[in-house]
Amino acid sequence: MNLGMGEILVLLTLALLLFGAKRLPEIGRSAGSAIREFKKGFEAGEPEEKEKENRENKREE
């Protein structure tokens, strides 16, 4: 699913109409912080999963 320049402009125009110019920066900040928190949580969970897999592999041997 590729978005061209026209589709992006339509989406931005709809967002501007729905939320207003004052709310868009707030929504962008909220989305950015949510993505950052998700990445932190995902990265924090990876070592635990690897340790769990290592323990399971050692039990099988």
N, C-alpha and C. Protein backbone atom coordinates (compact mmCIF):
# COMPACT_ATOMS: atom_id res chain seq x y z
N MET A 1 0.85 -1.18 0.00
CA MET A 1 0.00 0.00 0.00
C MET A 1 0.89 1.23 0.00
N ASN A 2 1.06 1.81 -1.14
CA ASN A 2 1.87 3.01 -1.28
C ASN A 2 0.98 4.24 -1.27
N LEU A 3 1.38 5.23 -0.50
CA LEU A 3 0.64 6.49 -0.46
C LEU A 3 1.41 7.52 -1.27
N GLY A 4 0.74 8.12 -2.21
CA GLY A 4 1.35 9.18 -2.99
C GLY A 4 1.15 10.52 -2.32
N MET A 5 1.68 11.56 -2.93
CA MET A 5 1.59 12.90 -2.37
C MET A 5 0.14 13.36 -2.29
N GLY A 6 -0.66 13.03 -3.27
CA GLY A 6 -2.06 13.44 -3.26
C GLY A 6 -2.84 12.83 -2.11
N GLU A 7 -2.62 11.53 -1.87
CA GLU A 7 -3.31 10.86 -0.78
C GLU A 7 -2.89 11.42 0.57
N ILE A 8 -1.62 11.72 0.73
CA ILE A 8 -1.13 12.29 1.99
C ILE A 8 -1.74 13.65 2.23
N LEU A 9 -1.83 14.47 1.19
CA LEU A 9 -2.45 15.79 1.33
C LEU A 9 -3.92 15.69 1.71
N VAL A 10 -4.63 14.73 1.14
CA VAL A 10 -6.04 14.54 1.48
C VAL A 10 -6.17 14.13 2.94
N LEU A 11 -5.33 13.21 3.41
CA LEU A 11 -5.38 12.77 4.80
C LEU A 11 -5.06 13.92 5.76
N LEU A 12 -4.06 14.72 5.43
CA LEU A 12 -3.71 15.85 6.28
C LEU A 12 -4.83 16.90 6.31
N THR A 13 -5.46 17.12 5.18
CA THR A 13 -6.57 18.07 5.12
C THR A 13 -7.75 17.58 5.97
N LEU A 14 -8.05 16.29 5.88
CA LEU A 14 -9.13 15.73 6.70
C LEU A 14 -8.80 15.84 8.18
N ALA A 15 -7.56 15.56 8.55
CA ALA A 15 -7.16 15.67 9.96
C ALA A 15 -7.29 17.11 10.43
N LEU A 16 -6.90 18.04 9.60
CA LEU A 16 -7.01 19.45 9.96
C LEU A 16 -8.46 19.86 10.16
N LEU A 17 -9.33 19.38 9.28
CA LEU A 17 -10.75 19.70 9.40
C LEU A 17 -11.39 19.04 10.63
N LEU A 18 -11.01 17.82 10.91
CA LEU A 18 -11.62 17.09 12.03
C LEU A 18 -11.14 17.60 13.39
N PHE A 19 -9.85 17.82 13.52
CA PHE A 19 -9.28 18.14 14.83
C PHE A 19 -8.97 19.61 15.03
N GLY A 20 -8.79 20.36 13.98
CA GLY A 20 -8.46 21.78 14.11
C GLY A 20 -6.97 21.99 14.23
N ALA A 21 -6.54 23.20 13.92
CA ALA A 21 -5.12 23.53 13.90
C ALA A 21 -4.51 23.53 15.29
N LYS A 22 -5.29 23.81 16.31
CA LYS A 22 -4.75 23.88 17.67
C LYS A 22 -4.49 22.49 18.25
N ARG A 23 -5.27 21.50 17.86
CA ARG A 23 -5.15 20.17 18.44
C ARG A 23 -4.14 19.29 17.72
N LEU A 24 -3.82 19.56 16.46
CA LEU A 24 -2.91 18.69 15.71
C LEU A 24 -1.52 18.55 16.35
N PRO A 25 -0.87 19.62 16.81
CA PRO A 25 0.43 19.44 17.46
C PRO A 25 0.34 18.58 18.72
N GLU A 26 -0.74 18.75 19.47
CA GLU A 26 -0.95 17.95 20.68
C GLU A 26 -1.11 16.47 20.33
N ILE A 27 -1.87 16.19 19.30
CA ILE A 27 -2.08 14.81 18.86
C ILE A 27 -0.77 14.20 18.37
N GLY A 28 0.02 14.98 17.64
CA GLY A 28 1.32 14.51 17.16
C GLY A 28 2.27 14.19 18.29
N ARG A 29 2.31 15.04 19.30
CA ARG A 29 3.17 14.77 20.47
C ARG A 29 2.73 13.51 21.19
N SER A 30 1.43 13.37 21.35
CA SER A 30 0.91 12.18 22.04
C SER A 30 1.25 10.91 21.27
N ALA A 31 1.09 10.96 19.97
CA ALA A 31 1.40 9.79 19.15
C ALA A 31 2.89 9.47 19.21
N GLY A 32 3.74 10.50 19.18
CA GLY A 32 5.18 10.29 19.26
C GLY A 32 5.59 9.68 20.58
N SER A 33 5.04 10.16 21.68
CA SER A 33 5.40 9.61 22.98
C SER A 33 4.87 8.18 23.12
N ALA A 34 3.72 7.89 22.56
CA ALA A 34 3.19 6.53 22.61
C ALA A 34 4.09 5.57 21.83
N ILE A 35 4.56 5.99 20.68
CA ILE A 35 5.45 5.15 19.88
C ILE A 35 6.76 4.92 20.62
N ARG A 36 7.30 5.98 21.25
CA ARG A 36 8.55 5.83 22.02
C ARG A 36 8.38 4.84 23.17
N GLU A 37 7.28 4.95 23.90
CA GLU A 37 7.02 4.04 25.02
C GLU A 37 6.85 2.61 24.53
N PHE A 38 6.20 2.44 23.40
CA PHE A 38 6.03 1.10 22.83
C PHE A 38 7.38 0.50 22.48
N LYS A 39 8.26 1.29 21.85
CA LYS A 39 9.59 0.79 21.49
C LYS A 39 10.40 0.43 22.73
N LYS A 40 10.32 1.26 23.77
CA LYS A 40 11.03 0.97 25.01
C LYS A 40 10.54 -0.34 25.61
N GLY A 41 9.25 -0.53 25.66
CA GLY A 41 8.68 -1.75 26.20
C GLY A 41 9.04 -2.96 25.37
N PHE A 42 9.05 -2.80 24.07
CA PHE A 42 9.40 -3.90 23.17
C PHE A 42 10.85 -4.29 23.35
N GLU A 43 11.74 -3.29 23.43
CA GLU A 43 13.17 -3.57 23.61
C GLU A 43 13.44 -4.16 24.98
N ALA A 44 12.71 -3.74 25.99
CA ALA A 44 12.90 -4.27 27.33
C ALA A 44 12.45 -5.72 27.41
N GLY A 45 11.48 -6.11 26.63
CA GLY A 45 10.98 -7.48 26.65
C GLY A 45 11.84 -8.45 25.87
N GLU A 46 12.63 -7.98 24.93
CA GLU A 46 13.44 -8.86 24.10
C GLU A 46 14.46 -9.66 24.90
N PRO A 47 15.25 -9.08 25.80
CA PRO A 47 16.23 -9.89 26.53
C PRO A 47 15.57 -10.98 27.37
N GLU A 48 14.41 -10.70 27.94
CA GLU A 48 13.72 -11.70 28.73
C GLU A 48 13.31 -12.88 27.86
N GLU A 49 12.84 -12.60 26.66
CA GLU A 49 12.44 -13.67 25.76
C GLU A 49 13.64 -14.50 25.35
N LYS A 50 14.78 -13.87 25.09
CA LYS A 50 15.97 -14.60 24.69
C LYS A 50 16.46 -15.48 25.83
N GLU A 51 16.41 -14.97 27.06
CA GLU A 51 16.83 -15.77 28.21
C GLU A 51 15.91 -16.97 28.38
N LYS A 52 14.63 -16.77 28.20
CA LYS A 52 13.66 -17.85 28.32
C LYS A 52 13.92 -18.92 27.26
N GLU A 53 14.19 -18.50 26.03
CA GLU A 53 14.49 -19.44 24.96
C GLU A 53 15.77 -20.21 25.26
N ASN A 54 16.79 -19.52 25.78
CA ASN A 54 18.05 -20.18 26.11
C ASN A 54 17.84 -21.25 27.18
N ARG A 55 17.04 -20.93 28.21
CA ARG A 55 16.77 -21.90 29.28
C ARG A 55 16.02 -23.10 28.73
N GLU A 56 15.07 -22.88 27.84
CA GLU A 56 14.30 -23.98 27.25
C GLU A 56 15.20 -24.85 26.37
N ASN A 57 16.11 -24.23 25.64
CA ASN A 57 17.02 -24.99 24.79
C ASN A 57 17.98 -25.83 25.63
N LYS A 58 18.42 -25.31 26.76
CA LYS A 58 19.32 -26.07 27.63
C LYS A 58 18.61 -27.26 28.23
N ARG A 59 17.33 -27.13 28.55
CA ARG A 59 16.56 -28.23 29.12
C ARG A 59 16.39 -29.36 28.10
N GLU A 60 16.23 -29.00 26.85
CA GLU A 60 16.04 -29.99 25.80
C GLU A 60 17.31 -30.79 25.55
N GLU A 61 18.47 -30.21 25.82
CA GLU A 61 19.74 -30.90 25.56
C GLU A 61 20.02 -31.86 26.62
